[in-house]
Amino acid sequence: MEFPAIALLEFSSIAAGIEAGDAMVKRAPVQKIQSGTVQPGNFLVLVAGDVASVEEAFAAGKEVGPGALADCLFLPNVHPTVVMALGGQRQAAQEDALGIVETTSVATAIRVADAGVKGAEVSLLQLRLADGLGGKGLVYFHGLVADVETAVAIGTDVAHNHLVRHMVIPQLHAEMWDNVNGYGRFGQHFGWEAA
């Protein structure tokens, strides 16, 4: 499903997040709201729809829980691949390069993904958010080396003080591609049968 705009608010308080989500959908007729807990005990509220409604809902959410608001984003022209990645879609790849941007927040990771795919000829391989990452965000870009370098540079500029680490691996080994294309959690890789 494609949406012209999305907004996400990341709260350090679950109660504040629920209150904010309620205020958001009461104020504006968004097409979609998704909310829930993520590690490490944060609460996310994501709304999607037309630009005006999402912007109004975003403003309402920020008014409710400012003391508990850890990070937020409003993307009035979100890239369609970011929306697909938020829905859990992953691309399998074995291209020339892998670019990785690791962030301290979910909102920043989404912002990095959107900026990277808009600013460079890359594909968004994965967008991993919070759970299993201690609340961090993880963005994987793939494509030709120069393009991946551009996407990562754009992403690190967008991440500002929410950046943990970034890198470009020019030619990731085929066996590592198998791991990167997988689920991402260590235990999921073992296909060992019980003895």
Protein backbone atom coordinates (compact mmCIF):
# COMPACT_ATOMS: atom_id res chain seq x y z
CA MET A 1 0.00 0.00 0.00
CA GLU A 2 1.31 3.45 -0.84
CA PHE A 3 0.77 6.58 1.21
CA PRO A 4 1.77 10.13 0.28
CA ALA A 5 2.85 10.89 3.85
CA ILE A 6 3.80 9.21 7.11
CA ALA A 7 4.57 10.46 10.60
CA LEU A 8 6.08 8.54 13.47
CA LEU A 9 6.38 9.47 17.12
CA GLU A 10 8.66 7.47 19.41
CA PHE A 11 7.85 7.72 23.11
CA SER A 12 9.84 6.65 26.17
CA SER A 13 6.51 6.23 27.99
CA ILE A 14 3.90 3.70 26.90
CA ALA A 15 1.08 5.64 28.56
CA ALA A 16 2.09 8.88 26.82
CA GLY A 17 2.28 7.02 23.50
CA ILE A 18 -1.21 5.62 23.82
CA GLU A 19 -2.58 9.02 24.78
CA ALA A 20 -0.80 10.63 21.83
CA GLY A 21 -2.06 8.01 19.36
CA ASP A 22 -5.61 8.61 20.55
CA ALA A 23 -5.23 12.38 20.15
CA MET A 24 -3.78 11.91 16.66
CA VAL A 25 -6.66 9.89 15.24
CA LYS A 26 -9.24 12.07 16.98
CA ARG A 27 -7.82 15.21 15.36
CA ALA A 28 -7.30 14.07 11.77
CA PRO A 29 -8.76 11.42 9.43
CA VAL A 30 -5.58 9.44 8.70
CA GLN A 31 -5.78 6.37 6.46
CA LYS A 32 -3.78 4.13 8.78
CA ILE A 33 -2.52 4.10 12.35
CA GLN A 34 -0.17 1.51 13.76
CA SER A 35 1.05 1.62 17.33
CA GLY A 36 2.69 -0.61 19.87
CA THR A 37 5.62 -1.31 22.14
CA VAL A 38 9.18 -1.89 21.01
CA GLN A 39 12.41 -2.52 22.85
CA PRO A 40 13.58 -1.17 25.24
CA GLY A 41 10.12 -0.32 26.57
CA ASN A 42 9.30 2.45 24.09
CA PHE A 43 6.00 3.05 22.31
CA LEU A 44 5.70 3.91 18.62
CA VAL A 45 2.78 5.58 16.86
CA LEU A 46 2.86 5.66 13.06
CA VAL A 47 0.17 7.33 10.96
CA ALA A 48 -0.13 7.38 7.19
CA GLY A 49 -2.36 9.09 4.66
CA ASP A 50 -2.70 12.36 2.82
CA VAL A 51 -0.22 15.09 3.70
CA ALA A 52 -2.62 17.48 5.43
CA SER A 53 -4.19 14.81 7.66
CA VAL A 54 -0.85 13.29 8.62
CA GLU A 55 0.62 16.70 9.39
CA GLU A 56 -2.35 17.58 11.60
CA ALA A 57 -2.19 14.22 13.42
CA PHE A 58 1.58 14.66 13.88
CA ALA A 59 1.05 18.05 15.51
CA ALA A 60 -1.58 16.58 17.85
CA GLY A 61 0.71 13.78 18.94
CA LYS A 62 3.60 16.11 19.68
CA GLU A 63 1.33 18.30 21.83
CA VAL A 64 0.28 15.42 24.10
CA GLY A 65 3.54 13.87 25.21
CA PRO A 66 6.40 16.33 24.77
CA GLY A 67 8.26 15.22 27.92
CA ALA A 68 8.19 11.59 26.81
CA LEU A 69 8.88 12.15 23.11
CA ALA A 70 12.22 10.49 22.31
CA ASP A 71 12.24 11.14 18.54
CA CYS A 72 9.81 11.83 15.73
CA LEU A 73 9.54 12.32 12.00
CA PHE A 74 7.15 13.69 9.42
CA LEU A 75 7.71 12.66 5.80
CA PRO A 76 5.25 14.46 3.52
CA ASN A 77 6.57 12.71 0.41
CA VAL A 78 7.70 9.32 1.68
CA HIS A 79 9.45 7.02 -0.80
CA PRO A 80 7.27 3.96 -1.64
CA THR A 81 10.07 1.49 -0.83
CA VAL A 82 10.23 2.87 2.71
CA VAL A 83 6.51 2.17 3.16
CA MET A 84 7.04 -1.37 1.81
CA ALA A 85 9.98 -1.91 4.19
CA LEU A 86 7.87 -0.70 7.12
CA GLY A 87 5.36 -3.37 6.12
CA GLY A 88 8.08 -6.00 6.49
CA GLN A 89 9.08 -6.41 2.86
CA ARG A 90 12.74 -7.26 2.35
CA GLN A 91 14.73 -7.39 -0.84
CA ALA A 92 17.28 -10.11 -1.42
CA ALA A 93 20.45 -8.87 -3.04
CA GLN A 94 23.98 -9.73 -3.99
CA GLU A 95 25.16 -6.49 -5.53
CA ASP A 96 28.56 -4.85 -5.57
CA ALA A 97 28.20 -3.06 -2.25
CA LEU A 98 26.36 -3.03 1.05
CA GLY A 99 25.85 0.21 2.96
CA ILE A 100 24.90 0.11 6.62
CA VAL A 101 23.62 2.96 8.79
CA GLU A 102 22.94 2.18 12.45
CA THR A 103 20.95 4.71 14.50
CA THR A 104 19.87 5.17 18.11
CA SER A 105 16.20 5.60 17.24
CA VAL A 106 13.49 4.22 15.00
CA ALA A 107 12.41 7.59 13.65
CA THR A 108 15.96 8.41 12.58
CA ALA A 109 16.38 5.07 10.81
CA ILE A 110 13.23 5.70 8.77
CA ARG A 111 14.45 9.22 7.94
CA VAL A 112 17.84 7.79 6.85
CA ALA A 113 16.19 5.16 4.64
CA ASP A 114 13.96 7.72 2.95
CA ALA A 115 16.78 10.20 2.34
CA GLY A 116 19.15 7.52 1.05
CA VAL A 117 16.78 6.04 -1.54
CA LYS A 118 15.71 9.49 -2.70
CA GLY A 119 19.25 10.81 -3.00
CA ALA A 120 21.08 7.93 -4.66
CA GLU A 121 20.50 5.11 -7.16
CA VAL A 122 20.30 2.41 -4.50
CA SER A 123 17.80 -0.13 -3.27
CA LEU A 124 16.61 -0.39 0.30
CA LEU A 125 17.55 -3.93 1.25
CA GLN A 126 16.21 -3.86 4.83
CA LEU A 127 14.86 -1.48 7.43
CA ARG A 128 15.03 -3.04 10.89
CA LEU A 129 13.50 -1.24 13.83
CA ALA A 130 13.97 -1.54 17.60
CA ASP A 131 13.02 -5.12 18.48
CA GLY A 132 16.03 -7.38 18.71
CA LEU A 133 18.23 -4.30 18.37
CA GLY A 134 17.87 -2.74 21.83
CA GLY A 135 15.79 0.10 20.40
CA LYS A 136 18.18 0.95 17.56
CA GLY A 137 17.40 1.31 13.88
CA LEU A 138 19.31 -0.40 11.11
CA VAL A 139 19.25 0.53 7.41
CA TYR A 140 20.84 -1.55 4.63
CA PHE A 141 21.34 -0.08 1.17
CA HIS A 142 22.67 -2.03 -1.79
CA GLY A 143 23.84 -1.22 -5.28
CA LEU A 144 26.96 -0.01 -7.01
CA VAL A 145 29.76 1.16 -4.71
CA ALA A 146 29.62 4.88 -5.59
CA ASP A 147 25.84 4.96 -5.25
CA VAL A 148 25.91 3.17 -1.90
CA GLU A 149 28.59 5.56 -0.67
CA THR A 150 26.33 8.47 -1.65
CA ALA A 151 23.30 6.97 0.11
CA VAL A 152 25.27 6.30 3.29
CA ALA A 153 26.74 9.83 3.25
CA ILE A 154 23.25 11.30 2.86
CA GLY A 155 21.95 9.04 5.62
CA THR A 156 24.68 9.97 8.07
CA ASP A 157 24.01 13.67 7.44
CA VAL A 158 20.33 13.10 8.21
CA ALA A 159 21.05 11.04 11.34
CA HIS A 160 22.96 13.84 13.11
CA ASN A 161 23.43 12.96 16.78
CA HIS A 162 21.36 9.73 16.46
CA LEU A 163 24.10 8.01 14.46
CA VAL A 164 25.75 4.95 16.04
CA ARG A 165 27.91 3.83 13.13
CA HIS A 166 27.96 3.66 9.34
CA MET A 167 30.00 1.82 6.75
CA VAL A 168 30.19 0.71 3.15
CA ILE A 169 31.46 -2.75 2.28
CA PRO A 170 32.44 -2.66 -1.43
CA GLN A 171 32.16 -6.40 -2.13
CA LEU A 172 30.48 -8.36 0.60
CA HIS A 173 31.39 -12.06 0.45
CA ALA A 174 28.63 -14.34 -0.91
CA GLU A 175 28.35 -16.22 2.40
CA MET A 176 27.83 -12.95 4.27
CA TRP A 177 25.17 -11.94 1.71
CA ASP A 178 23.32 -15.14 2.66
CA ASN A 179 23.36 -14.00 6.27
CA VAL A 180 22.46 -10.37 5.55
CA ASN A 181 19.56 -11.43 3.32
CA GLY A 182 18.21 -13.63 6.10
CA TYR A 183 16.12 -12.70 9.08
CA GLY A 184 18.94 -10.95 10.88
CA ARG A 185 18.78 -12.54 14.32
CA PHE A 186 21.64 -14.85 15.20
CA GLY A 187 19.62 -17.91 16.28
CA GLN A 188 17.46 -17.88 13.15
CA HIS A 189 20.41 -18.82 10.95
CA PHE A 190 20.89 -22.27 12.42
CA GLY A 191 19.08 -24.88 10.39
CA TRP A 192 20.49 -27.66 12.52
CA GLU A 193 18.14 -30.51 13.15
CA ALA A 194 17.62 -31.63 16.74
CA ALA A 195 19.82 -34.64 17.54
